[in-house]
Amino acid sequence: MRRRNPCILSCVALLTCAVINLTGAAEPDPLTKKVLDAYGKDHGLCAIIGLKGPKALQLAKDLASSGKFLVHGVVSDENDLKIARKAIKDAKLDGFCAVEKLNLNPLPYRDNLVNLIVVADPTAAKSSGFKQDEAMRALAPMGKLCVISGSNVTATEKPVPPGMDQW
């Protein structure tokens, strides 16, 4: 049996790590960075209300591709559903991101479940029945509701209820 030189194996392993690091995940989109900065965490269950248009789809793909978020997109139009599902499938993010056509009132989540709710288009969401009180019901304590308006992101945190311990 032929013995391999440990120095060569070490060099090959180092080169492989360097290539993986150089070809790793790209920097997230500036809007994604703003949402993550407003959220203050890098993981959780995220619902994107109004998952349509390139900016919202890029946000969903950036969050899902991190492997630290489970993303649920909600759309109100059959065409938007087809476009969003195709974008998620093409990005090979099935399992990290799902998209459904659903009503926005009530939101399809249990009380205190979602860590981050992003409203991609507040005007369209409101006309589809979205209500901030309903989002606050679905948010977990210390979860955030982030509303995108142009290039601005406004965050509202759900407070911890009195008597609830933090651990």
Foldseek 3Di string as FASTA:
>chain_A
DDDDDVVVVVVVVVVVVVVCVVPDDDDADLLLVQQCVLFVDLAWEEEEEACADDVSLSNLLVSLVVVRYQYEYEHQDPVRQVVSVVSCVVSVSPVSYYYDHDQVVQPPAAFQHGQEYEYAAVVVNVVSPHDVVNVLRRHHQQGWYWYDDPSHIDIDGNHDDPPDDDD
